[in-house]
Amino acid sequence: VSMLAGKFDWTWLADRVRDPFTFFNMIIMALGTQSMDQIPPEMYSV
């Protein structure tokens, strides 16, 4: 509706481009990491 009215929120779009799939990288790491010593540092927040 905002797009058709010419009032689209470009900040919204920038935020989605910056973070399209929240936490999904963690799922991929959890399923793909083979051993404990290979766990990426970013997983430790969880």
ModelCIF file with pLDDT and N, C-alpha, C, O atoms, coordinates in Angstrom:
data_MODEL
#
_entry.id   MODEL 
#
_entity.id                         1 
_entity.type                       polymer 
_entity.pdbx_number_of_molecules   1 
#
_entity_poly.entity_id                      1 
_entity_poly.type                           'polypeptide(L)' 
_entity_poly.nstd_linkage                   no 
_entity_poly.nstd_monomer                   no 
_entity_poly.pdbx_seq_one_letter_code       VSMLAGKFDWTWLADRVRDPFTFFNMIIMALGTQSMDQIPPEMYSV 
_entity_poly.pdbx_seq_one_letter_code_can   VSMLAGKFDWTWLADRVRDPFTFFNMIIMALGTQSMDQIPPEMYSV 
_entity_poly.pdbx_strand_id                 A 
#
loop_
_entity_poly_seq.entity_id 
_entity_poly_seq.num 
_entity_poly_seq.mon_id 
_entity_poly_seq.hetero 
1 1  VAL n 
1 2  SER n 
1 3  MET n 
1 4  LEU n 
1 5  ALA n 
1 6  GLY n 
1 7  LYS n 
1 8  PHE n 
1 9  ASP n 
1 10 TRP n 
1 11 THR n 
1 12 TRP n 
1 13 LEU n 
1 14 ALA n 
1 15 ASP n 
1 16 ARG n 
1 17 VAL n 
1 18 ARG n 
1 19 ASP n 
1 20 PRO n 
1 21 PHE n 
1 22 THR n 
1 23 PHE n 
1 24 PHE n 
1 25 ASN n 
1 26 MET n 
1 27 ILE n 
1 28 ILE n 
1 29 MET n 
1 30 ALA n 
1 31 LEU n 
1 32 GLY n 
1 33 THR n 
1 34 GLN n 
1 35 SER n 
1 36 MET n 
1 37 ASP n 
1 38 GLN n 
1 39 ILE n 
1 40 PRO n 
1 41 PRO n 
1 42 GLU n 
1 43 MET n 
1 44 TYR n 
1 45 SER n 
1 46 VAL n 
#
_struct_asym.id          A 
_struct_asym.entity_id   1 
#
loop_
_ma_qa_metric.id 
_ma_qa_metric.mode 
_ma_qa_metric.name 
_ma_qa_metric.software_group_id 
_ma_qa_metric.type 
1 global pLDDT . pLDDT 
2 local  pLDDT . pLDDT 
#
_ma_qa_metric_global.metric_id      1 
_ma_qa_metric_global.metric_value   83.22 
_ma_qa_metric_global.model_id       1 
_ma_qa_metric_global.ordinal_id     1 
#
loop_
_ma_qa_metric_local.label_asym_id 
_ma_qa_metric_local.label_comp_id 
_ma_qa_metric_local.label_seq_id 
_ma_qa_metric_local.metric_id 
_ma_qa_metric_local.metric_value 
_ma_qa_metric_local.model_id 
_ma_qa_metric_local.ordinal_id 
A VAL 1  2 90.00 1 1  
A SER 2  2 91.00 1 2  
A MET 3  2 91.00 1 3  
A LEU 4  2 91.00 1 4  
A ALA 5  2 90.00 1 5  
A GLY 6  2 91.00 1 6  
A LYS 7  2 91.00 1 7  
A PHE 8  2 94.00 1 8  
A ASP 9  2 95.00 1 9  
A TRP 10 2 96.00 1 10 
A THR 11 2 97.00 1 11 
A TRP 12 2 97.00 1 12 
A LEU 13 2 97.00 1 13 
A ALA 14 2 97.00 1 14 
A ASP 15 2 96.00 1 15 
A ARG 16 2 96.00 1 16 
A VAL 17 2 96.00 1 17 
A ARG 18 2 95.00 1 18 
A ASP 19 2 93.00 1 19 
A PRO 20 2 94.00 1 20 
A PHE 21 2 91.00 1 21 
A THR 22 2 90.00 1 22 
A PHE 23 2 84.00 1 23 
A PHE 24 2 80.00 1 24 
A ASN 25 2 78.00 1 25 
A MET 26 2 76.00 1 26 
A ILE 27 2 76.00 1 27 
A ILE 28 2 78.00 1 28 
A MET 29 2 74.00 1 29 
A ALA 30 2 71.00 1 30 
A LEU 31 2 72.00 1 31 
A GLY 32 2 74.00 1 32 
A THR 33 2 76.00 1 33 
A GLN 34 2 74.00 1 34 
A SER 35 2 76.00 1 35 
A MET 36 2 71.00 1 36 
A ASP 37 2 71.00 1 37 
A GLN 38 2 72.00 1 38 
A ILE 39 2 74.00 1 39 
A PRO 40 2 72.00 1 40 
A PRO 41 2 69.00 1 41 
A GLU 42 2 69.00 1 42 
A MET 43 2 71.00 1 43 
A TYR 44 2 67.00 1 44 
A SER 45 2 70.00 1 45 
A VAL 46 2 74.00 1 46 
#
loop_
_atom_site.group_PDB 
_atom_site.id 
_atom_site.type_symbol 
_atom_site.label_atom_id 
_atom_site.label_alt_id 
_atom_site.label_comp_id 
_atom_site.label_asym_id 
_atom_site.label_entity_id 
_atom_site.label_seq_id 
_atom_site.pdbx_PDB_ins_code 
_atom_site.Cartn_x 
_atom_site.Cartn_y 
_atom_site.Cartn_z 
_atom_site.occupancy 
_atom_site.B_iso_or_equiv 
_atom_site.pdbx_formal_charge 
_atom_site.auth_seq_id 
_atom_site.auth_comp_id 
_atom_site.auth_asym_id 
_atom_site.auth_atom_id 
_atom_site.pdbx_PDB_model_num 
ATOM 1   N N  . VAL A 1 1  ? 0.833  -1.203  0.000  1.00 90.00 ? 1  VAL A N  1 
ATOM 2   C CA . VAL A 1 1  ? 0.000  0.000   0.000  1.00 90.00 ? 1  VAL A CA 1 
ATOM 3   C C  . VAL A 1 1  ? 0.871  1.257   0.000  1.00 90.00 ? 1  VAL A C  1 
ATOM 4   O O  . VAL A 1 1  ? 0.596  2.205   -0.736 1.00 90.00 ? 1  VAL A O  1 
ATOM 5   N N  . SER A 1 2  ? 1.917  1.263   0.823  1.00 91.00 ? 2  SER A N  1 
ATOM 6   C CA . SER A 1 2  ? 2.798  2.437   0.858  1.00 91.00 ? 2  SER A CA 1 
ATOM 7   C C  . SER A 1 2  ? 3.557  2.595   -0.448 1.00 91.00 ? 2  SER A C  1 
ATOM 8   O O  . SER A 1 2  ? 3.852  3.716   -0.864 1.00 91.00 ? 2  SER A O  1 
ATOM 9   N N  . MET A 1 3  ? 3.873  1.488   -1.095 1.00 91.00 ? 3  MET A N  1 
ATOM 10  C CA . MET A 1 3  ? 4.555  1.561   -2.390 1.00 91.00 ? 3  MET A CA 1 
ATOM 11  C C  . MET A 1 3  ? 3.648  2.218   -3.425 1.00 91.00 ? 3  MET A C  1 
ATOM 12  O O  . MET A 1 3  ? 4.089  3.077   -4.188 1.00 91.00 ? 3  MET A O  1 
ATOM 13  N N  . LEU A 1 4  ? 2.377  1.813   -3.450 1.00 91.00 ? 4  LEU A N  1 
ATOM 14  C CA . LEU A 1 4  ? 1.435  2.372   -4.422 1.00 91.00 ? 4  LEU A CA 1 
ATOM 15  C C  . LEU A 1 4  ? 1.151  3.847   -4.148 1.00 91.00 ? 4  LEU A C  1 
ATOM 16  O O  . LEU A 1 4  ? 0.859  4.624   -5.058 1.00 91.00 ? 4  LEU A O  1 
ATOM 17  N N  . ALA A 1 5  ? 1.245  4.215   -2.845 1.00 90.00 ? 5  ALA A N  1 
ATOM 18  C CA . ALA A 1 5  ? 0.968  5.604   -2.480 1.00 90.00 ? 5  ALA A CA 1 
ATOM 19  C C  . ALA A 1 5  ? 2.205  6.491   -2.583 1.00 90.00 ? 5  ALA A C  1 
ATOM 20  O O  . ALA A 1 5  ? 2.130  7.692   -2.324 1.00 90.00 ? 5  ALA A O  1 
ATOM 21  N N  . GLY A 1 6  ? 3.343  5.907   -2.960 1.00 91.00 ? 6  GLY A N  1 
ATOM 22  C CA . GLY A 1 6  ? 4.568  6.683   -3.064 1.00 91.00 ? 6  GLY A CA 1 
ATOM 23  C C  . GLY A 1 6  ? 5.168  7.042   -1.721 1.00 91.00 ? 6  GLY A C  1 
ATOM 24  O O  . GLY A 1 6  ? 5.904  8.024   -1.622 1.00 91.00 ? 6  GLY A O  1 
ATOM 25  N N  . LYS A 1 7  ? 4.869  6.263   -0.672 1.00 91.00 ? 7  LYS A N  1 
ATOM 26  C CA . LYS A 1 7  ? 5.374  6.559   0.673  1.00 91.00 ? 7  LYS A CA 1 
ATOM 27  C C  . LYS A 1 7  ? 6.160  5.373   1.233  1.00 91.00 ? 7  LYS A C  1 
ATOM 28  O O  . LYS A 1 7  ? 6.162  5.135   2.441  1.00 91.00 ? 7  LYS A O  1 
ATOM 29  N N  . PHE A 1 8  ? 6.818  4.640   0.355  1.00 94.00 ? 8  PHE A N  1 
ATOM 30  C CA . PHE A 1 8  ? 7.530  3.439   0.783  1.00 94.00 ? 8  PHE A CA 1 
ATOM 31  C C  . PHE A 1 8  ? 8.647  3.792   1.766  1.00 94.00 ? 8  PHE A C  1 
ATOM 32  O O  . PHE A 1 8  ? 9.328  4.805   1.608  1.00 94.00 ? 8  PHE A O  1 
ATOM 33  N N  . ASP A 1 9  ? 8.825  2.939   2.788  1.00 95.00 ? 9  ASP A N  1 
ATOM 34  C CA . ASP A 1 9  ? 9.825  3.161   3.831  1.00 95.00 ? 9  ASP A CA 1 
ATOM 35  C C  . ASP A 1 9  ? 11.151 2.533   3.385  1.00 95.00 ? 9  ASP A C  1 
ATOM 36  O O  . ASP A 1 9  ? 11.338 1.321   3.489  1.00 95.00 ? 9  ASP A O  1 
ATOM 37  N N  . TRP A 1 10 ? 12.066 3.372   2.887  1.00 96.00 ? 10 TRP A N  1 
ATOM 38  C CA . TRP A 1 10 ? 13.335 2.867   2.377  1.00 96.00 ? 10 TRP A CA 1 
ATOM 39  C C  . TRP A 1 10 ? 14.253 2.410   3.514  1.00 96.00 ? 10 TRP A C  1 
ATOM 40  O O  . TRP A 1 10 ? 15.132 1.575   3.301  1.00 96.00 ? 10 TRP A O  1 
ATOM 41  N N  . THR A 1 11 ? 14.058 2.946   4.701  1.00 97.00 ? 11 THR A N  1 
ATOM 42  C CA . THR A 1 11 ? 14.831 2.460   5.848  1.00 97.00 ? 11 THR A CA 1 
ATOM 43  C C  . THR A 1 11 ? 14.468 1.019   6.153  1.00 97.00 ? 11 THR A C  1 
ATOM 44  O O  . THR A 1 11 ? 15.333 0.208   6.483  1.00 97.00 ? 11 THR A O  1 
ATOM 45  N N  . TRP A 1 12 ? 13.184 0.702   6.041  1.00 97.00 ? 12 TRP A N  1 
ATOM 46  C CA . TRP A 1 12 ? 12.722 -0.692  6.216  1.00 97.00 ? 12 TRP A CA 1 
ATOM 47  C C  . TRP A 1 12 ? 13.467 -1.609  5.258  1.00 97.00 ? 12 TRP A C  1 
ATOM 48  O O  . TRP A 1 12 ? 13.960 -2.663  5.659  1.00 97.00 ? 12 TRP A O  1 
ATOM 49  N N  . LEU A 1 13 ? 13.552 -1.208  3.985  1.00 97.00 ? 13 LEU A N  1 
ATOM 50  C CA . LEU A 1 13 ? 14.209 -2.046  2.981  1.00 97.00 ? 13 LEU A CA 1 
ATOM 51  C C  . LEU A 1 13 ? 15.694 -2.219  3.306  1.00 97.00 ? 13 LEU A C  1 
ATOM 52  O O  . LEU A 1 13 ? 16.229 -3.322  3.196  1.00 97.00 ? 13 LEU A O  1 
ATOM 53  N N  . ALA A 1 14 ? 16.357 -1.138  3.705  1.00 97.00 ? 14 ALA A N  1 
ATOM 54  C CA . ALA A 1 14 ? 17.778 -1.229  4.041  1.00 97.00 ? 14 ALA A CA 1 
ATOM 55  C C  . ALA A 1 14 ? 17.997 -2.173  5.222  1.00 97.00 ? 14 ALA A C  1 
ATOM 56  O O  . ALA A 1 14 ? 18.962 -2.937  5.243  1.00 97.00 ? 14 ALA A O  1 
ATOM 57  N N  . ASP A 1 15 ? 17.106 -2.115  6.194  1.00 96.00 ? 15 ASP A N  1 
ATOM 58  C CA . ASP A 1 15 ? 17.225 -3.001  7.351  1.00 96.00 ? 15 ASP A CA 1 
ATOM 59  C C  . ASP A 1 15 ? 17.040 -4.463  6.959  1.00 96.00 ? 15 ASP A C  1 
ATOM 60  O O  . ASP A 1 15 ? 17.715 -5.341  7.497  1.00 96.00 ? 15 ASP A O  1 
ATOM 61  N N  . ARG A 1 16 ? 16.126 -4.729  6.020  1.00 96.00 ? 16 ARG A N  1 
ATOM 62  C CA . ARG A 1 16 ? 15.904 -6.116  5.607  1.00 96.00 ? 16 ARG A CA 1 
ATOM 63  C C  . ARG A 1 16 ? 17.082 -6.628  4.785  1.00 96.00 ? 16 ARG A C  1 
ATOM 64  O O  . ARG A 1 16 ? 17.466 -7.790  4.913  1.00 96.00 ? 16 ARG A O  1 
ATOM 65  N N  . VAL A 1 17 ? 17.651 -5.783  3.953  1.00 96.00 ? 17 VAL A N  1 
ATOM 66  C CA . VAL A 1 17 ? 18.825 -6.185  3.172  1.00 96.00 ? 17 VAL A CA 1 
ATOM 67  C C  . VAL A 1 17 ? 19.987 -6.502  4.106  1.00 96.00 ? 17 VAL A C  1 
ATOM 68  O O  . VAL A 1 17 ? 20.753 -7.433  3.860  1.00 96.00 ? 17 VAL A O  1 
ATOM 69  N N  . ARG A 1 18 ? 20.112 -5.725  5.178  1.00 95.00 ? 18 ARG A N  1 
ATOM 70  C CA . ARG A 1 18 ? 21.194 -5.922  6.137  1.00 95.00 ? 18 ARG A CA 1 
ATOM 71  C C  . ARG A 1 18 ? 21.029 -7.231  6.901  1.00 95.00 ? 18 ARG A C  1 
ATOM 72  O O  . ARG A 1 18 ? 22.022 -7.872  7.246  1.00 95.00 ? 18 ARG A O  1 
ATOM 73  N N  . ASP A 1 19 ? 19.802 -7.632  7.169  1.00 93.00 ? 19 ASP A N  1 
ATOM 74  C CA . ASP A 1 19 ? 19.555 -8.829  7.984  1.00 93.00 ? 19 ASP A CA 1 
ATOM 75  C C  . ASP A 1 19 ? 18.338 -9.577  7.455  1.00 93.00 ? 19 ASP A C  1 
ATOM 76  O O  . ASP A 1 19 ? 17.267 -9.523  8.059  1.00 93.00 ? 19 ASP A O  1 
ATOM 77  N N  . PRO A 1 20 ? 18.495 -10.281 6.319  1.00 94.00 ? 20 PRO A N  1 
ATOM 78  C CA . PRO A 1 20 ? 17.321 -10.932 5.726  1.00 94.00 ? 20 PRO A CA 1 
ATOM 79  C C  . PRO A 1 20 ? 16.888 -12.198 6.462  1.00 94.00 ? 20 PRO A C  1 
ATOM 80  O O  . PRO A 1 20 ? 15.694 -12.492 6.519  1.00 94.00 ? 20 PRO A O  1 
ATOM 81  N N  . PHE A 1 21 ? 17.837 -12.956 7.029  1.00 91.00 ? 21 PHE A N  1 
ATOM 82  C CA . PHE A 1 21 ? 17.494 -14.235 7.648  1.00 91.00 ? 21 PHE A CA 1 
ATOM 83  C C  . PHE A 1 21 ? 18.149 -14.330 9.023  1.00 91.00 ? 21 PHE A C  1 
ATOM 84  O O  . PHE A 1 21 ? 19.209 -14.937 9.181  1.00 91.00 ? 21 PHE A O  1 
ATOM 85  N N  . THR A 1 22 ? 17.504 -13.725 10.003 1.00 90.00 ? 22 THR A N  1 
ATOM 86  C CA . THR A 1 22 ? 18.033 -13.676 11.362 1.00 90.00 ? 22 THR A CA 1 
ATOM 87  C C  . THR A 1 22 ? 18.243 -15.083 11.917 1.00 90.00 ? 22 THR A C  1 
ATOM 88  O O  . THR A 1 22 ? 17.345 -15.924 11.872 1.00 90.00 ? 22 THR A O  1 
ATOM 89  N N  . PHE A 1 23 ? 19.442 -15.321 12.440 1.00 84.00 ? 23 PHE A N  1 
ATOM 90  C CA . PHE A 1 23 ? 19.812 -16.564 13.130 1.00 84.00 ? 23 PHE A CA 1 
ATOM 91  C C  . PHE A 1 23 ? 19.873 -17.789 12.227 1.00 84.00 ? 23 PHE A C  1 
ATOM 92  O O  . PHE A 1 23 ? 20.254 -18.864 12.691 1.00 84.00 ? 23 PHE A O  1 
ATOM 93  N N  . PHE A 1 24 ? 19.513 -17.661 10.962 1.00 80.00 ? 24 PHE A N  1 
ATOM 94  C CA . PHE A 1 24 ? 19.504 -18.880 10.150 1.00 80.00 ? 24 PHE A CA 1 
ATOM 95  C C  . PHE A 1 24 ? 20.911 -19.379 9.879  1.00 80.00 ? 24 PHE A C  1 
ATOM 96  O O  . PHE A 1 24 ? 21.125 -20.570 9.656  1.00 80.00 ? 24 PHE A O  1 
ATOM 97  N N  . ASN A 1 25 ? 21.871 -18.460 9.901  1.00 78.00 ? 25 ASN A N  1 
ATOM 98  C CA . ASN A 1 25 ? 23.262 -18.897 9.762  1.00 78.00 ? 25 ASN A CA 1 
ATOM 99  C C  . ASN A 1 25 ? 23.658 -19.816 10.913 1.00 78.00 ? 25 ASN A C  1 
ATOM 100 O O  . ASN A 1 25 ? 24.490 -20.707 10.741 1.00 78.00 ? 25 ASN A O  1 
ATOM 101 N N  . MET A 1 26 ? 23.061 -19.601 12.095 1.00 76.00 ? 26 MET A N  1 
ATOM 102 C CA . MET A 1 26 ? 23.356 -20.453 13.241 1.00 76.00 ? 26 MET A CA 1 
ATOM 103 C C  . MET A 1 26 ? 22.854 -21.878 13.007 1.00 76.00 ? 26 MET A C  1 
ATOM 104 O O  . MET A 1 26 ? 23.513 -22.847 13.383 1.00 76.00 ? 26 MET A O  1 
ATOM 105 N N  . ILE A 1 27 ? 21.692 -21.991 12.388 1.00 76.00 ? 27 ILE A N  1 
ATOM 106 C CA . ILE A 1 27 ? 21.155 -23.323 12.099 1.00 76.00 ? 27 ILE A CA 1 
ATOM 107 C C  . ILE A 1 27 ? 22.069 -24.059 11.138 1.00 76.00 ? 27 ILE A C  1 
ATOM 108 O O  . ILE A 1 27 ? 22.349 -25.244 11.322 1.00 76.00 ? 27 ILE A O  1 
ATOM 109 N N  . ILE A 1 28 ? 22.532 -23.361 10.116 1.00 78.00 ? 28 ILE A N  1 
ATOM 110 C CA . ILE A 1 28 ? 23.432 -23.978 9.136  1.00 78.00 ? 28 ILE A CA 1 
ATOM 111 C C  . ILE A 1 28 ? 24.719 -24.429 9.816  1.00 78.00 ? 28 ILE A C  1 
ATOM 112 O O  . ILE A 1 28 ? 25.221 -25.522 9.549  1.00 78.00 ? 28 ILE A O  1 
ATOM 113 N N  . MET A 1 29 ? 25.254 -23.577 10.701 1.00 74.00 ? 29 MET A N  1 
ATOM 114 C CA . MET A 1 29 ? 26.469 -23.947 11.428 1.00 74.00 ? 29 MET A CA 1 
ATOM 115 C C  . MET A 1 29 ? 26.224 -25.163 12.318 1.00 74.00 ? 29 MET A C  1 
ATOM 116 O O  . MET A 1 29 ? 27.054 -26.070 12.380 1.00 74.00 ? 29 MET A O  1 
ATOM 117 N N  . ALA A 1 30 ? 25.083 -25.178 13.005 1.00 71.00 ? 30 ALA A N  1 
ATOM 118 C CA . ALA A 1 30 ? 24.782 -26.275 13.925 1.00 71.00 ? 30 ALA A CA 1 
ATOM 119 C C  . ALA A 1 30 ? 24.685 -27.607 13.196 1.00 71.00 ? 30 ALA A C  1 
ATOM 120 O O  . ALA A 1 30 ? 25.074 -28.646 13.728 1.00 71.00 ? 30 ALA A O  1 
ATOM 121 N N  . LEU A 1 31 ? 24.161 -27.568 11.973 1.00 72.00 ? 31 LEU A N  1 
ATOM 122 C CA . LEU A 1 31 ? 23.994 -28.796 11.204 1.00 72.00 ? 31 LEU A CA 1 
ATOM 123 C C  . LEU A 1 31 ? 25.244 -29.178 10.428 1.00 72.00 ? 31 LEU A C  1 
ATOM 124 O O  . LEU A 1 31 ? 25.451 -30.350 10.113 1.00 72.00 ? 31 LEU A O  1 
ATOM 125 N N  . GLY A 1 32 ? 26.086 -28.180 10.116 1.00 74.00 ? 32 GLY A N  1 
ATOM 126 C CA . GLY A 1 32 ? 27.227 -28.448 9.241  1.00 74.00 ? 32 GLY A CA 1 
ATOM 127 C C  . GLY A 1 32 ? 28.558 -28.586 9.925  1.00 74.00 ? 32 GLY A C  1 
ATOM 128 O O  . GLY A 1 32 ? 29.462 -29.206 9.364  1.00 74.00 ? 32 GLY A O  1 
ATOM 129 N N  . THR A 1 33 ? 28.729 -28.033 11.122 1.00 76.00 ? 33 THR A N  1 
ATOM 130 C CA . THR A 1 33 ? 30.016 -28.099 11.807 1.00 76.00 ? 33 THR A CA 1 
ATOM 131 C C  . THR A 1 33 ? 30.298 -29.535 12.245 1.00 76.00 ? 33 THR A C  1 
ATOM 132 O O  . THR A 1 33 ? 29.454 -30.175 12.872 1.00 76.00 ? 33 THR A O  1 
ATOM 133 N N  . GLN A 1 34 ? 31.478 -30.034 11.916 1.00 74.00 ? 34 GLN A N  1 
ATOM 134 C CA . GLN A 1 34 ? 31.771 -31.446 12.120 1.00 74.00 ? 34 GLN A CA 1 
ATOM 135 C C  . GLN A 1 34 ? 32.260 -31.788 13.528 1.00 74.00 ? 34 GLN A C  1 
ATOM 136 O O  . GLN A 1 34 ? 31.940 -32.860 14.041 1.00 74.00 ? 34 GLN A O  1 
ATOM 137 N N  . SER A 1 35 ? 33.030 -30.898 14.161 1.00 76.00 ? 35 SER A N  1 
ATOM 138 C CA . SER A 1 35 ? 33.611 -31.239 15.453 1.00 76.00 ? 35 SER A CA 1 
ATOM 139 C C  . SER A 1 35 ? 33.581 -30.030 16.379 1.00 76.00 ? 35 SER A C  1 
ATOM 140 O O  . SER A 1 35 ? 33.385 -28.899 15.936 1.00 76.00 ? 35 SER A O  1 
ATOM 141 N N  . MET A 1 36 ? 33.779 -30.283 17.673 1.00 71.00 ? 36 MET A N  1 
ATOM 142 C CA . MET A 1 36 ? 33.673 -29.216 18.659 1.00 71.00 ? 36 MET A CA 1 
ATOM 143 C C  . MET A 1 36 ? 34.701 -28.118 18.427 1.00 71.00 ? 36 MET A C  1 
ATOM 144 O O  . MET A 1 36 ? 34.403 -26.945 18.648 1.00 71.00 ? 36 MET A O  1 
ATOM 145 N N  . ASP A 1 37 ? 35.913 -28.476 17.982 1.00 71.00 ? 37 ASP A N  1 
ATOM 146 C CA . ASP A 1 37 ? 36.943 -27.470 17.798 1.00 71.00 ? 37 ASP A CA 1 
ATOM 147 C C  . ASP A 1 37 ? 36.737 -26.630 16.544 1.00 71.00 ? 37 ASP A C  1 
ATOM 148 O O  . ASP A 1 37 ? 37.500 -25.700 16.282 1.00 71.00 ? 37 ASP A O  1 
ATOM 149 N N  . GLN A 1 38 ? 35.698 -26.959 15.763 1.00 72.00 ? 38 GLN A N  1 
ATOM 150 C CA . GLN A 1 38 ? 35.396 -26.176 14.566 1.00 72.00 ? 38 GLN A CA 1 
ATOM 151 C C  . GLN A 1 38 ? 34.219 -25.226 14.763 1.00 72.00 ? 38 GLN A C  1 
ATOM 152 O O  . GLN A 1 38 ? 33.841 -24.518 13.829 1.00 72.00 ? 38 GLN A O  1 
ATOM 153 N N  . ILE A 1 39 ? 33.637 -25.198 15.949 1.00 74.00 ? 39 ILE A N  1 
ATOM 154 C CA . ILE A 1 39 ? 32.475 -24.336 16.183 1.00 74.00 ? 39 ILE A CA 1 
ATOM 155 C C  . ILE A 1 39 ? 32.878 -22.878 16.016 1.00 74.00 ? 39 ILE A C  1 
ATOM 156 O O  . ILE A 1 39 ? 33.801 -22.423 16.692 1.00 74.00 ? 39 ILE A O  1 
ATOM 157 N N  . PRO A 1 40 ? 32.209 -22.127 15.132 1.00 72.00 ? 40 PRO A N  1 
ATOM 158 C CA . PRO A 1 40 ? 32.587 -20.732 14.881 1.00 72.00 ? 40 PRO A CA 1 
ATOM 159 C C  . PRO A 1 40 ? 32.348 -19.863 16.113 1.00 72.00 ? 40 PRO A C  1 
ATOM 160 O O  . PRO A 1 40 ? 31.420 -20.108 16.882 1.00 72.00 ? 40 PRO A O  1 
ATOM 161 N N  . PRO A 1 41 ? 33.194 -18.843 16.295 1.00 69.00 ? 41 PRO A N  1 
ATOM 162 C CA . PRO A 1 41 ? 33.047 -17.969 17.470 1.00 69.00 ? 41 PRO A CA 1 
ATOM 163 C C  . PRO A 1 41 ? 31.667 -17.324 17.578 1.00 69.00 ? 41 PRO A C  1 
ATOM 164 O O  . PRO A 1 41 ? 31.169 -17.119 18.685 1.00 69.00 ? 41 PRO A O  1 
ATOM 165 N N  . GLU A 1 42 ? 31.037 -16.998 16.428 1.00 69.00 ? 42 GLU A N  1 
ATOM 166 C CA . GLU A 1 42 ? 29.750 -16.310 16.492 1.00 69.00 ? 42 GLU A CA 1 
ATOM 167 C C  . GLU A 1 42 ? 28.646 -17.175 17.094 1.00 69.00 ? 42 GLU A C  1 
ATOM 168 O O  . GLU A 1 42 ? 27.618 -16.652 17.525 1.00 69.00 ? 42 GLU A O  1 
ATOM 169 N N  . MET A 1 43 ? 28.853 -18.515 17.129 1.00 71.00 ? 43 MET A N  1 
ATOM 170 C CA . MET A 1 43 ? 27.849 -19.380 17.731 1.00 71.00 ? 43 MET A CA 1 
ATOM 171 C C  . MET A 1 43 ? 27.837 -19.264 19.251 1.00 71.00 ? 43 MET A C  1 
ATOM 172 O O  . MET A 1 43 ? 26.857 -19.641 19.892 1.00 71.00 ? 43 MET A O  1 
ATOM 173 N N  . TYR A 1 44 ? 28.914 -18.747 19.831 1.00 67.00 ? 44 TYR A N  1 
ATOM 174 C CA . TYR A 1 44 ? 28.994 -18.726 21.278 1.00 67.00 ? 44 TYR A CA 1 
ATOM 175 C C  . TYR A 1 44 ? 28.030 -17.727 21.918 1.00 67.00 ? 44 TYR A C  1 
ATOM 176 O O  . TYR A 1 44 ? 27.781 -17.801 23.121 1.00 67.00 ? 44 TYR A O  1 
ATOM 177 N N  . SER A 1 45 ? 27.485 -16.796 21.134 1.00 70.00 ? 45 SER A N  1 
ATOM 178 C CA . SER A 1 45 ? 26.451 -15.915 21.700 1.00 70.00 ? 45 SER A CA 1 
ATOM 179 C C  . SER A 1 45 ? 25.218 -16.716 22.086 1.00 70.00 ? 45 SER A C  1 
ATOM 180 O O  . SER A 1 45 ? 24.463 -16.322 22.975 1.00 70.00 ? 45 SER A O  1 
ATOM 181 N N  . VAL A 1 46 ? 25.018 -17.845 21.412 1.00 74.00 ? 46 VAL A N  1 
ATOM 182 C CA . VAL A 1 46 ? 23.894 -18.723 21.721 1.00 74.00 ? 46 VAL A CA 1 
ATOM 183 C C  . VAL A 1 46 ? 24.306 -19.814 22.710 1.00 74.00 ? 46 VAL A C  1 
ATOM 184 O O  . VAL A 1 46 ? 23.483 -20.649 23.086 1.00 74.00 ? 46 VAL A O  1 
#
